[in-house]
Amino acid sequence: MIYQALGYIEAHLEEEVKLEDAAAAAGFSMYHFHRIFQEQVGMSVTDYIRSRRLASASALLLYTGEDIIQIAFRSRFESQEAFTRAFKKEYGMPPGRYRKMMGSVQQTMGKREENRDMSEHGKVKGWILSGSDPSHYEMGVDRETVHMGKVSGYLKSISATSETQFATIMQQFKSDKYKGERIKLSAFIQAEKVNDFAGLWMRVDNATGDTIQFDNMSNRPIQGSLPWNLYSIVLDVPGDSDTISFGVLLTGQGKVRMDNFAFEIVDARTPSTNMQISGELRDEPENLSFEE
């Protein structure tokens, strides 16, 4: 239901967003909508809308020559002064200075990129590119299309031709902090022409390398072209766990952008999305003739 609400908000960022309509898209009363949105997204509806509009405004400042006052009105601020105050609070400087300073930084980084050795291309601090065919994919940082802040990460196909090919942008870390807990991994993802499927994923392994908890969203895939939205995975971290791996995968052709990954400990009221739930062992075999 929050997914539906976020979709409504994304579709109306440059229009008036009526909170009652966003609540209706989620199927909530206004009271429950505000409470559950804050709980799931981590900020109020109003703060989320303002941050998304300011992120879009920051890209317009850097990649277009549009007047600041026009950007302010596109971002649904009643005046340039109100826009300047909000932008300075979010980015630490007024929009005019941001355009000048960050524009020069972008030019410098562009020149460095031109001179950079190709072996460095696609490196992102903390992340690795893996999968069945990583050479057919590229990961990197996008400064033009962002969710919040100044950058987002991306994974895209560059020469993949088959739906059997896939790659992932991923990390791995020790599970010590979360042993015995149920955790939720969430991230904002945007999809662009994903012809097969993409998804957030997480895996919990034990010390011998066996997978004991896993979900890759294959039963609720991200497909086609979709605006920024919030996706999550919930898994238990047993006491005999050793490592947690996570990331975003892309199968076949397309591109996904991602931002704002977060881990949160949740209680048993939050359902697990584990895809390797083993059933109870039966007393006897059944349906041996396949007639049932």
C-alpha atoms as a PDB file:
ATOM      1  CA  MET A   1       0.000   0.000   0.000  1.00  0.00           C
ATOM      2  CA  ILE A   2       2.936   2.316   0.683  1.00  0.00           C
ATOM      3  CA  TYR A   3       4.250   1.311  -2.763  1.00  0.00           C
ATOM      4  CA  GLN A   4       1.027   2.653  -4.292  1.00  0.00           C
ATOM      5  CA  ALA A   5       1.280   5.884  -2.321  1.00  0.00           C
ATOM      6  CA  LEU A   6       4.894   6.469  -3.369  1.00  0.00           C
ATOM      7  CA  GLY A   7       3.924   5.825  -6.982  1.00  0.00           C
ATOM      8  CA  TYR A   8       1.221   8.473  -6.713  1.00  0.00           C
ATOM      9  CA  ILE A   9       3.655  10.973  -5.196  1.00  0.00           C
ATOM     10  CA  GLU A  10       6.283  10.362  -7.905  1.00  0.00           C
ATOM     11  CA  ALA A  11       3.683  10.908 -10.637  1.00  0.00           C
ATOM     12  CA  HIS A  12       2.672  14.274  -9.167  1.00  0.00           C
ATOM     13  CA  LEU A  13       5.936  15.805  -7.921  1.00  0.00           C
ATOM     14  CA  GLU A  14       5.566  18.843 -10.204  1.00  0.00           C
ATOM     15  CA  GLU A  15       1.872  19.137  -9.372  1.00  0.00           C
ATOM     16  CA  GLU A  16      -0.067  19.723  -6.197  1.00  0.00           C
ATOM     17  CA  VAL A  17       0.096  16.529  -4.136  1.00  0.00           C
ATOM     18  CA  LYS A  18      -3.073  16.207  -2.106  1.00  0.00           C
ATOM     19  CA  LEU A  19      -2.300  14.073   0.897  1.00  0.00           C
ATOM     20  CA  GLU A  20      -5.821  12.720   1.008  1.00  0.00           C
ATOM     21  CA  ASP A  21      -5.347  11.440  -2.576  1.00  0.00           C
ATOM     22  CA  ALA A  22      -2.011   9.828  -1.661  1.00  0.00           C
ATOM     23  CA  ALA A  23      -3.713   8.225   1.340  1.00  0.00           C
ATOM     24  CA  ALA A  24      -6.541   7.004  -0.891  1.00  0.00           C
ATOM     25  CA  ALA A  25      -3.976   5.499  -3.310  1.00  0.00           C
ATOM     26  CA  ALA A  26      -2.625   3.542  -0.345  1.00  0.00           C
ATOM     27  CA  GLY A  27      -6.072   2.594   0.892  1.00  0.00           C
ATOM     28  CA  PHE A  28      -5.584   4.309   4.268  1.00  0.00           C
ATOM     29  CA  SER A  29      -7.395   6.891   6.303  1.00  0.00           C
ATOM     30  CA  MET A  30      -5.391  10.106   6.717  1.00  0.00           C
ATOM     31  CA  TYR A  31      -4.528   9.214  10.321  1.00  0.00           C
ATOM     32  CA  HIS A  32      -3.206   5.746   9.515  1.00  0.00           C
ATOM     33  CA  PHE A  33      -1.514   6.965   6.336  1.00  0.00           C
ATOM     34  CA  HIS A  34       0.684   9.482   8.169  1.00  0.00           C
ATOM     35  CA  ARG A  35       1.581   6.996  10.893  1.00  0.00           C
ATOM     36  CA  ILE A  36       2.382   4.046   8.609  1.00  0.00           C
ATOM     37  CA  PHE A  37       4.223   6.196   6.045  1.00  0.00           C
ATOM     38  CA  GLN A  38       6.489   7.567   8.787  1.00  0.00           C
ATOM     39  CA  GLU A  39       7.055   4.051  10.098  1.00  0.00           C
ATOM     40  CA  GLN A  40       7.923   2.507   6.719  1.00  0.00           C
ATOM     41  CA  VAL A  41       9.739   5.349   4.939  1.00  0.00           C
ATOM     42  CA  GLY A  42      11.418   6.914   7.954  1.00  0.00           C
ATOM     43  CA  MET A  43      10.111  10.456   7.487  1.00  0.00           C
ATOM     44  CA  SER A  44       6.808  12.281   7.252  1.00  0.00           C
ATOM     45  CA  VAL A  45       4.897  12.492   3.969  1.00  0.00           C
ATOM     46  CA  THR A  46       5.516  16.245   3.777  1.00  0.00           C
ATOM     47  CA  ASP A  47       9.258  15.889   4.403  1.00  0.00           C
ATOM     48  CA  TYR A  48       9.521  13.111   1.811  1.00  0.00           C
ATOM     49  CA  ILE A  49       7.771  15.175  -0.874  1.00  0.00           C
ATOM     50  CA  ARG A  50       9.919  18.230  -0.132  1.00  0.00           C
ATOM     51  CA  SER A  51      13.158  16.187  -0.235  1.00  0.00           C
ATOM     52  CA  ARG A  52      12.207  14.550  -3.531  1.00  0.00           C
ATOM     53  CA  ARG A  53      11.367  17.919  -5.080  1.00  0.00           C
ATOM     54  CA  LEU A  54      14.628  19.418  -3.866  1.00  0.00           C
ATOM     55  CA  ALA A  55      16.593  16.455  -5.264  1.00  0.00           C
ATOM     56  CA  SER A  56      14.949  17.017  -8.656  1.00  0.00           C
ATOM     57  CA  ALA A  57      15.701  20.724  -8.349  1.00  0.00           C
ATOM     58  CA  SER A  58      19.386  20.019  -7.640  1.00  0.00           C
ATOM     59  CA  ALA A  59      19.625  18.071 -10.913  1.00  0.00           C
ATOM     60  CA  LEU A  60      17.904  20.882 -12.827  1.00  0.00           C
ATOM     61  CA  LEU A  61      20.404  23.359 -11.375  1.00  0.00           C
ATOM     62  CA  LEU A  62      23.365  21.281 -12.586  1.00  0.00           C
ATOM     63  CA  TYR A  63      22.146  19.945 -15.914  1.00  0.00           C
ATOM     64  CA  THR A  64      19.934  22.702 -17.303  1.00  0.00           C
ATOM     65  CA  GLY A  65      20.213  26.449 -17.750  1.00  0.00           C
ATOM     66  CA  GLU A  66      16.725  26.989 -16.375  1.00  0.00           C
ATOM     67  CA  ASP A  67      16.291  30.096 -14.220  1.00  0.00           C
ATOM     68  CA  ILE A  68      16.261  29.476 -10.486  1.00  0.00           C
ATOM     69  CA  ILE A  69      12.854  31.075 -10.105  1.00  0.00           C
ATOM     70  CA  GLN A  70      11.417  28.702 -12.712  1.00  0.00           C
ATOM     71  CA  ILE A  71      12.967  25.728 -10.929  1.00  0.00           C
ATOM     72  CA  ALA A  72      11.443  27.027  -7.695  1.00  0.00           C
ATOM     73  CA  PHE A  73       7.973  27.125  -9.241  1.00  0.00           C
ATOM     74  CA  ARG A  74       8.428  23.679 -10.864  1.00  0.00           C
ATOM     75  CA  SER A  75       9.333  22.401  -7.410  1.00  0.00           C
ATOM     76  CA  ARG A  76       6.013  23.778  -6.087  1.00  0.00           C
ATOM     77  CA  PHE A  77       7.474  26.560  -3.931  1.00  0.00           C
ATOM     78  CA  GLU A  78       5.447  29.749  -3.747  1.00  0.00           C
ATOM     79  CA  SER A  79       8.505  31.994  -4.149  1.00  0.00           C
ATOM     80  CA  GLN A  80      12.216  31.903  -4.913  1.00  0.00           C
ATOM     81  CA  GLU A  81      12.889  32.977  -1.325  1.00  0.00           C
ATOM     82  CA  ALA A  82      11.010  29.992   0.125  1.00  0.00           C
ATOM     83  CA  PHE A  83      12.816  27.675  -2.313  1.00  0.00           C
ATOM     84  CA  THR A  84      16.196  29.152  -1.341  1.00  0.00           C
ATOM     85  CA  ARG A  85      15.542  28.618   2.369  1.00  0.00           C
ATOM     86  CA  ALA A  86      14.478  25.012   1.879  1.00  0.00           C
ATOM     87  CA  PHE A  87      17.317  24.240  -0.536  1.00  0.00           C
ATOM     88  CA  LYS A  88      19.938  25.745   1.780  1.00  0.00           C
ATOM     89  CA  LYS A  89      18.616  23.686   4.681  1.00  0.00           C
ATOM     90  CA  GLU A  90      18.827  20.466   2.618  1.00  0.00           C
ATOM     91  CA  TYR A  91      22.109  21.061   0.737  1.00  0.00           C
ATOM     92  CA  GLY A  92      23.977  23.492   2.975  1.00  0.00           C
ATOM     93  CA  MET A  93      24.130  26.348   0.461  1.00  0.00           C
ATOM     94  CA  PRO A  94      21.716  28.464  -1.601  1.00  0.00           C
ATOM     95  CA  PRO A  95      20.782  27.210  -5.090  1.00  0.00           C
ATOM     96  CA  GLY A  96      22.830  29.829  -6.970  1.00  0.00           C
ATOM     97  CA  ARG A  97      26.027  28.920  -5.143  1.00  0.00           C
ATOM     98  CA  TYR A  98      25.238  25.209  -5.465  1.00  0.00           C
ATOM     99  CA  ARG A  99      24.910  25.582  -9.249  1.00  0.00           C
ATOM    100  CA  LYS A 100      28.209  27.432  -9.506  1.00  0.00           C
ATOM    101  CA  MET A 101      30.217  25.300  -7.074  1.00  0.00           C
ATOM    102  CA  MET A 102      28.884  21.865  -7.980  1.00  0.00           C
ATOM    103  CA  GLY A 103      28.952  22.725 -11.678  1.00  0.00           C
ATOM    104  CA  SER A 104      32.696  23.366 -11.485  1.00  0.00           C
ATOM    105  CA  VAL A 105      33.141  20.134  -9.512  1.00  0.00           C
ATOM    106  CA  GLN A 106      31.236  18.257 -12.218  1.00  0.00           C
ATOM    107  CA  GLN A 107      33.500  19.697 -14.919  1.00  0.00           C
ATOM    108  CA  THR A 108      36.624  18.720 -12.974  1.00  0.00           C
ATOM    109  CA  MET A 109      35.330  15.205 -12.380  1.00  0.00           C
ATOM    110  CA  GLY A 110      34.416  14.925 -16.056  1.00  0.00           C
ATOM    111  CA  LYS A 111      37.980  15.728 -17.068  1.00  0.00           C
ATOM    112  CA  ARG A 112      39.325  13.209 -14.564  1.00  0.00           C
ATOM    113  CA  GLU A 113      36.964  10.603 -15.976  1.00  0.00           C
ATOM    114  CA  GLU A 114      38.284  11.256 -19.476  1.00  0.00           C
ATOM    115  CA  ASN A 115      41.858  10.737 -18.288  1.00  0.00           C
ATOM    116  CA  ARG A 116      41.119   7.811 -15.971  1.00  0.00           C
ATOM    117  CA  ASP A 117      42.553   4.403 -16.804  1.00  0.00           C
ATOM    118  CA  MET A 118      39.824   2.088 -18.059  1.00  0.00           C
ATOM    119  CA  SER A 119      40.642  -0.427 -15.313  1.00  0.00           C
ATOM    120  CA  GLU A 120      39.190   2.063 -12.838  1.00  0.00           C
ATOM    121  CA  HIS A 121      35.962   2.482 -14.752  1.00  0.00           C
ATOM    122  CA  GLY A 122      32.860   1.426 -12.876  1.00  0.00           C
ATOM    123  CA  LYS A 123      34.435   1.192  -9.439  1.00  0.00           C
ATOM    124  CA  VAL A 124      32.175   2.247  -6.579  1.00  0.00           C
ATOM    125  CA  LYS A 125      33.495   2.359  -3.014  1.00  0.00           C
ATOM    126  CA  GLY A 126      32.219  -0.572  -0.951  1.00  0.00           C
ATOM    127  CA  TRP A 127      30.427  -2.283  -3.854  1.00  0.00           C
ATOM    128  CA  ILE A 128      31.446  -5.072  -6.225  1.00  0.00           C
ATOM    129  CA  LEU A 129      30.033  -6.191  -9.552  1.00  0.00           C
ATOM    130  CA  SER A 130      29.285  -9.909  -9.714  1.00  0.00           C
ATOM    131  CA  GLY A 131      26.853 -12.365 -11.296  1.00  0.00           C
ATOM    132  CA  SER A 132      26.861 -14.848 -14.187  1.00  0.00           C
ATOM    133  CA  ASP A 133      28.029 -12.320 -16.794  1.00  0.00           C
ATOM    134  CA  PRO A 134      29.421  -9.211 -15.070  1.00  0.00           C
ATOM    135  CA  SER A 135      31.440  -8.265 -18.183  1.00  0.00           C
ATOM    136  CA  HIS A 136      28.149  -7.536 -19.958  1.00  0.00           C
ATOM    137  CA  TYR A 137      27.058  -5.063 -17.282  1.00  0.00           C
ATOM    138  CA  GLU A 138      28.281  -1.838 -15.741  1.00  0.00           C
ATOM    139  CA  MET A 139      27.865  -0.287 -12.316  1.00  0.00           C
ATOM    140  CA  GLY A 140      28.564   3.294 -11.357  1.00  0.00           C
ATOM    141  CA  VAL A 141      27.408   6.513  -9.734  1.00  0.00           C
ATOM    142  CA  ASP A 142      24.751   8.728 -11.316  1.00  0.00           C
ATOM    143  CA  ARG A 143      24.788  12.420 -10.454  1.00  0.00           C
ATOM    144  CA  GLU A 144      21.971  13.475 -12.769  1.00  0.00           C
ATOM    145  CA  THR A 145      19.130  11.157 -11.732  1.00  0.00           C
ATOM    146  CA  VAL A 146      19.013  10.941  -7.951  1.00  0.00           C
ATOM    147  CA  HIS A 147      16.487  10.006  -5.324  1.00  0.00           C
ATOM    148  CA  MET A 148      17.739  12.205  -2.491  1.00  0.00           C
ATOM    149  CA  GLY A 149      21.046  13.914  -1.904  1.00  0.00           C
ATOM    150  CA  LYS A 150      23.617  14.325  -4.672  1.00  0.00           C
ATOM    151  CA  VAL A 151      24.126  10.859  -6.224  1.00  0.00           C
ATOM    152  CA  SER A 152      22.552   7.471  -6.794  1.00  0.00           C
ATOM    153  CA  GLY A 153      24.078   4.126  -7.756  1.00  0.00           C
ATOM    154  CA  TYR A 154      23.249   2.315 -10.982  1.00  0.00           C
ATOM    155  CA  LEU A 155      23.546  -1.075 -12.658  1.00  0.00           C
ATOM    156  CA  LYS A 156      22.925  -1.383 -16.390  1.00  0.00           C
ATOM    157  CA  SER A 157      23.404  -3.849 -19.215  1.00  0.00           C
ATOM    158  CA  ILE A 158      25.903  -2.819 -21.883  1.00  0.00           C
ATOM    159  CA  SER A 159      26.050  -5.934 -24.062  1.00  0.00           C
ATOM    160  CA  ALA A 160      23.695  -8.479 -22.477  1.00  0.00           C
ATOM    161  CA  THR A 161      21.536 -10.219 -25.096  1.00  0.00           C
ATOM    162  CA  SER A 162      19.901 -13.069 -23.186  1.00  0.00           C
ATOM    163  CA  GLU A 163      17.482 -13.343 -20.274  1.00  0.00           C
ATOM    164  CA  THR A 164      19.789 -15.988 -18.809  1.00  0.00           C
ATOM    165  CA  GLN A 165      22.508 -13.373 -18.265  1.00  0.00           C
ATOM    166  CA  PHE A 166      22.514 -11.383 -15.047  1.00  0.00           C
ATOM    167  CA  ALA A 167      24.706  -9.230 -12.832  1.00  0.00           C
ATOM    168  CA  THR A 168      24.469  -7.724  -9.394  1.00  0.00           C
ATOM    169  CA  ILE A 169      25.916  -4.775  -7.533  1.00  0.00           C
ATOM    170  CA  MET A 170      26.526  -6.150  -4.048  1.00  0.00           C
ATOM    171  CA  GLN A 171      28.212  -6.090  -0.653  1.00  0.00           C
ATOM    172  CA  GLN A 172      28.952  -8.715   2.009  1.00  0.00           C
ATOM    173  CA  PHE A 173      29.560  -8.297   5.744  1.00  0.00           C
ATOM    174  CA  LYS A 174      29.739 -10.314   8.970  1.00  0.00           C
ATOM    175  CA  SER A 175      26.395 -11.143  10.569  1.00  0.00           C
ATOM    176  CA  ASP A 176      27.594 -10.743  14.202  1.00  0.00           C
ATOM    177  CA  LYS A 177      25.594  -7.571  14.851  1.00  0.00           C
ATOM    178  CA  TYR A 178      22.301  -9.168  13.779  1.00  0.00           C
ATOM    179  CA  LYS A 179      22.547 -12.773  15.037  1.00  0.00           C
ATOM    180  CA  GLY A 180      19.276 -13.943  16.532  1.00  0.00           C
ATOM    181  CA  GLU A 181      17.378 -11.019  15.026  1.00  0.00           C
ATOM    182  CA  ARG A 182      14.897 -10.521  12.189  1.00  0.00           C
ATOM    183  CA  ILE A 183      16.114  -7.735   9.902  1.00  0.00           C
ATOM    184  CA  LYS A 184      14.594  -5.691   7.125  1.00  0.00           C
ATOM    185  CA  LEU A 185      16.671  -4.427   4.202  1.00  0.00           C
ATOM    186  CA  SER A 186      15.066  -1.588   2.280  1.00  0.00           C
ATOM    187  CA  ALA A 187      16.161   0.579  -0.633  1.00  0.00           C
ATOM    188  CA  PHE A 188      14.708   2.958  -3.183  1.00  0.00           C
ATOM    189  CA  ILE A 189      14.980   1.634  -6.760  1.00  0.00           C
ATOM    190  CA  GLN A 190      14.110   3.121 -10.147  1.00  0.00           C
ATOM    191  CA  ALA A 191      13.814   0.894 -13.248  1.00  0.00           C
ATOM    192  CA  GLU A 192      14.416   1.778 -16.877  1.00  0.00           C
ATOM    193  CA  LYS A 193      13.451  -0.642 -19.672  1.00  0.00           C
ATOM    194  CA  VAL A 194      14.055  -3.788 -17.610  1.00  0.00           C
ATOM    195  CA  ASN A 195      13.011  -6.492 -20.059  1.00  0.00           C
ATOM    196  CA  ASP A 196      13.234  -9.494 -17.740  1.00  0.00           C
ATOM    197  CA  PHE A 197      13.468  -8.664 -14.070  1.00  0.00           C
ATOM    198  CA  ALA A 198      15.390  -6.768 -11.419  1.00  0.00           C
ATOM    199  CA  GLY A 199      15.156  -6.943  -7.680  1.00  0.00           C
ATOM    200  CA  LEU A 200      16.600  -6.211  -4.309  1.00  0.00           C
ATOM    201  CA  TRP A 201      18.176  -9.328  -2.765  1.00  0.00           C
ATOM    202  CA  MET A 202      19.657 -10.537   0.506  1.00  0.00           C
ATOM    203  CA  ARG A 203      21.226 -13.836   1.593  1.00  0.00           C
ATOM    204  CA  VAL A 204      22.313 -15.189   4.994  1.00  0.00           C
ATOM    205  CA  ASP A 205      25.013 -17.892   4.958  1.00  0.00           C
ATOM    206  CA  ASN A 206      26.538 -20.031   7.695  1.00  0.00           C
ATOM    207  CA  ALA A 207      30.257 -20.623   8.270  1.00  0.00           C
ATOM    208  CA  THR A 208      30.390 -23.534   5.799  1.00  0.00           C
ATOM    209  CA  GLY A 209      28.889 -21.390   3.038  1.00  0.00           C
ATOM    210  CA  ASP A 210      25.399 -22.894   3.110  1.00  0.00           C
ATOM    211  CA  THR A 211      22.556 -20.479   2.418  1.00  0.00           C
ATOM    212  CA  ILE A 212      20.101 -20.507   5.309  1.00  0.00           C
ATOM    213  CA  GLN A 213      17.922 -17.502   4.399  1.00  0.00           C
ATOM    214  CA  PHE A 214      17.383 -15.945   0.965  1.00  0.00           C
ATOM    215  CA  ASP A 215      15.132 -13.626  -1.047  1.00  0.00           C
ATOM    216  CA  ASN A 216      15.725 -12.020  -4.463  1.00  0.00           C
ATOM    217  CA  MET A 217      12.203 -10.723  -5.189  1.00  0.00           C
ATOM    218  CA  SER A 218      11.771 -13.179  -8.079  1.00  0.00           C
ATOM    219  CA  ASN A 219       8.175 -13.682  -6.923  1.00  0.00           C
ATOM    220  CA  ARG A 220       7.535  -9.918  -7.064  1.00  0.00           C
ATOM    221  CA  PRO A 221       9.914  -8.703  -9.803  1.00  0.00           C
ATOM    222  CA  ILE A 222      10.675  -5.144 -10.857  1.00  0.00           C
ATOM    223  CA  GLN A 223       9.984  -4.958 -14.597  1.00  0.00           C
ATOM    224  CA  GLY A 224       9.675  -2.349 -17.326  1.00  0.00           C
ATOM    225  CA  SER A 225      10.186   1.320 -16.535  1.00  0.00           C
ATOM    226  CA  LEU A 226       9.121   2.410 -13.054  1.00  0.00           C
ATOM    227  CA  PRO A 227       9.680   5.557 -10.961  1.00  0.00           C
ATOM    228  CA  TRP A 228      11.524   5.604  -7.651  1.00  0.00           C
ATOM    229  CA  ASN A 229       9.852   3.390  -5.087  1.00  0.00           C
ATOM    230  CA  LEU A 230      10.643   1.659  -1.824  1.00  0.00           C
ATOM    231  CA  TYR A 231      11.338  -2.088  -1.802  1.00  0.00           C
ATOM    232  CA  SER A 232      12.183  -4.328   1.135  1.00  0.00           C
ATOM    233  CA  ILE A 233      13.256  -7.814   2.171  1.00  0.00           C
ATOM    234  CA  VAL A 234      12.818  -9.358   5.626  1.00  0.00           C
ATOM    235  CA  LEU A 235      14.951 -12.292   6.773  1.00  0.00           C
ATOM    236  CA  ASP A 236      15.880 -14.004  10.027  1.00  0.00           C
ATOM    237  CA  VAL A 237      19.551 -14.157  10.992  1.00  0.00           C
ATOM    238  CA  PRO A 238      19.988 -17.457  12.913  1.00  0.00           C
ATOM    239  CA  GLY A 239      22.580 -17.875  15.619  1.00  0.00           C
ATOM    240  CA  ASP A 240      24.729 -20.108  13.372  1.00  0.00           C
ATOM    241  CA  SER A 241      24.913 -17.497  10.619  1.00  0.00           C
ATOM    242  CA  ASP A 242      28.247 -16.093   9.478  1.00  0.00           C
ATOM    243  CA  THR A 243      27.769 -13.596   6.639  1.00  0.00           C
ATOM    244  CA  ILE A 244      25.065 -11.420   5.110  1.00  0.00           C
ATOM    245  CA  SER A 245      25.194 -10.555   1.413  1.00  0.00           C
ATOM    246  CA  PHE A 246      22.888  -8.042  -0.287  1.00  0.00           C
ATOM    247  CA  GLY A 247      22.478  -5.910  -3.357  1.00  0.00           C
ATOM    248  CA  VAL A 248      20.417  -5.314  -6.479  1.00  0.00           C
ATOM    249  CA  LEU A 249      20.365  -7.731  -9.402  1.00  0.00           C
ATOM    250  CA  LEU A 250      19.482  -7.181 -13.034  1.00  0.00           C
ATOM    251  CA  THR A 251      18.610 -10.018 -15.409  1.00  0.00           C
ATOM    252  CA  GLY A 252      18.722  -9.421 -19.145  1.00  0.00           C
ATOM    253  CA  GLN A 253      18.668  -5.890 -20.523  1.00  0.00           C
ATOM    254  CA  GLY A 254      17.810  -2.605 -18.828  1.00  0.00           C
ATOM    255  CA  LYS A 255      19.020  -0.270 -16.127  1.00  0.00           C
ATOM    256  CA  VAL A 256      18.259   0.206 -12.447  1.00  0.00           C
ATOM    257  CA  ARG A 257      19.218   3.044 -10.150  1.00  0.00           C
ATOM    258  CA  MET A 258      19.307   2.651  -6.373  1.00  0.00           C
ATOM    259  CA  ASP A 259      19.689   4.804  -3.279  1.00  0.00           C
ATOM    260  CA  ASN A 260      19.187   4.940   0.484  1.00  0.00           C
ATOM    261  CA  PHE A 261      19.855   1.334   1.494  1.00  0.00           C
ATOM    262  CA  ALA A 262      18.949   0.724   5.139  1.00  0.00           C
ATOM    263  CA  PHE A 263      18.979  -2.153   7.626  1.00  0.00           C
ATOM    264  CA  GLU A 264      16.507  -2.299  10.500  1.00  0.00           C
ATOM    265  CA  ILE A 265      15.821  -4.859  13.220  1.00  0.00           C
ATOM    266  CA  VAL A 266      12.116  -5.767  13.246  1.00  0.00           C
ATOM    267  CA  ASP A 267       9.993  -8.049  15.389  1.00  0.00           C
ATOM    268  CA  ALA A 268       7.985 -11.154  14.534  1.00  0.00           C
ATOM    269  CA  ARG A 269       4.975  -9.057  13.510  1.00  0.00           C
ATOM    270  CA  THR A 270       6.857  -8.175  10.314  1.00  0.00           C
ATOM    271  CA  PRO A 271       6.492 -11.224   8.024  1.00  0.00           C
ATOM    272  CA  SER A 272       9.621 -12.862   6.654  1.00  0.00           C
ATOM    273  CA  THR A 273      10.068 -12.883   2.873  1.00  0.00           C
ATOM    274  CA  ASN A 274      12.435 -15.875   2.980  1.00  0.00           C
ATOM    275  CA  MET A 275      12.074 -17.914  -0.225  1.00  0.00           C
ATOM    276  CA  GLN A 276      13.676 -21.079   1.175  1.00  0.00           C
ATOM    277  CA  ILE A 277      11.141 -21.895   3.851  1.00  0.00           C
ATOM    278  CA  SER A 278      11.140 -25.673   4.238  1.00  0.00           C
ATOM    279  CA  GLY A 279       7.868 -27.391   4.994  1.00  0.00           C
ATOM    280  CA  GLU A 280       7.209 -29.946   7.700  1.00  0.00           C
ATOM    281  CA  LEU A 281       8.390 -33.483   7.022  1.00  0.00           C
ATOM    282  CA  ARG A 282       5.459 -35.777   6.162  1.00  0.00           C
ATOM    283  CA  ASP A 283       4.921 -39.159   7.838  1.00  0.00           C
ATOM    284  CA  GLU A 284       4.444 -40.925   4.477  1.00  0.00           C
ATOM    285  CA  PRO A 285       4.977 -40.197   0.750  1.00  0.00           C
ATOM    286  CA  GLU A 286       1.986 -38.987  -1.271  1.00  0.00           C
ATOM    287  CA  ASN A 287       0.649 -38.610  -4.835  1.00  0.00           C
ATOM    288  CA  LEU A 288       2.998 -41.286  -6.167  1.00  0.00           C
ATOM    289  CA  SER A 289       0.952 -41.809  -9.355  1.00  0.00           C
ATOM    290  CA  PHE A 290       0.591 -38.053 -10.019  1.00  0.00           C
ATOM    291  CA  GLU A 291      -3.195 -38.401 -10.259  1.00  0.00           C
ATOM    292  CA  GLU A 292      -4.093 -36.017  -7.459  1.00  0.00           C
END
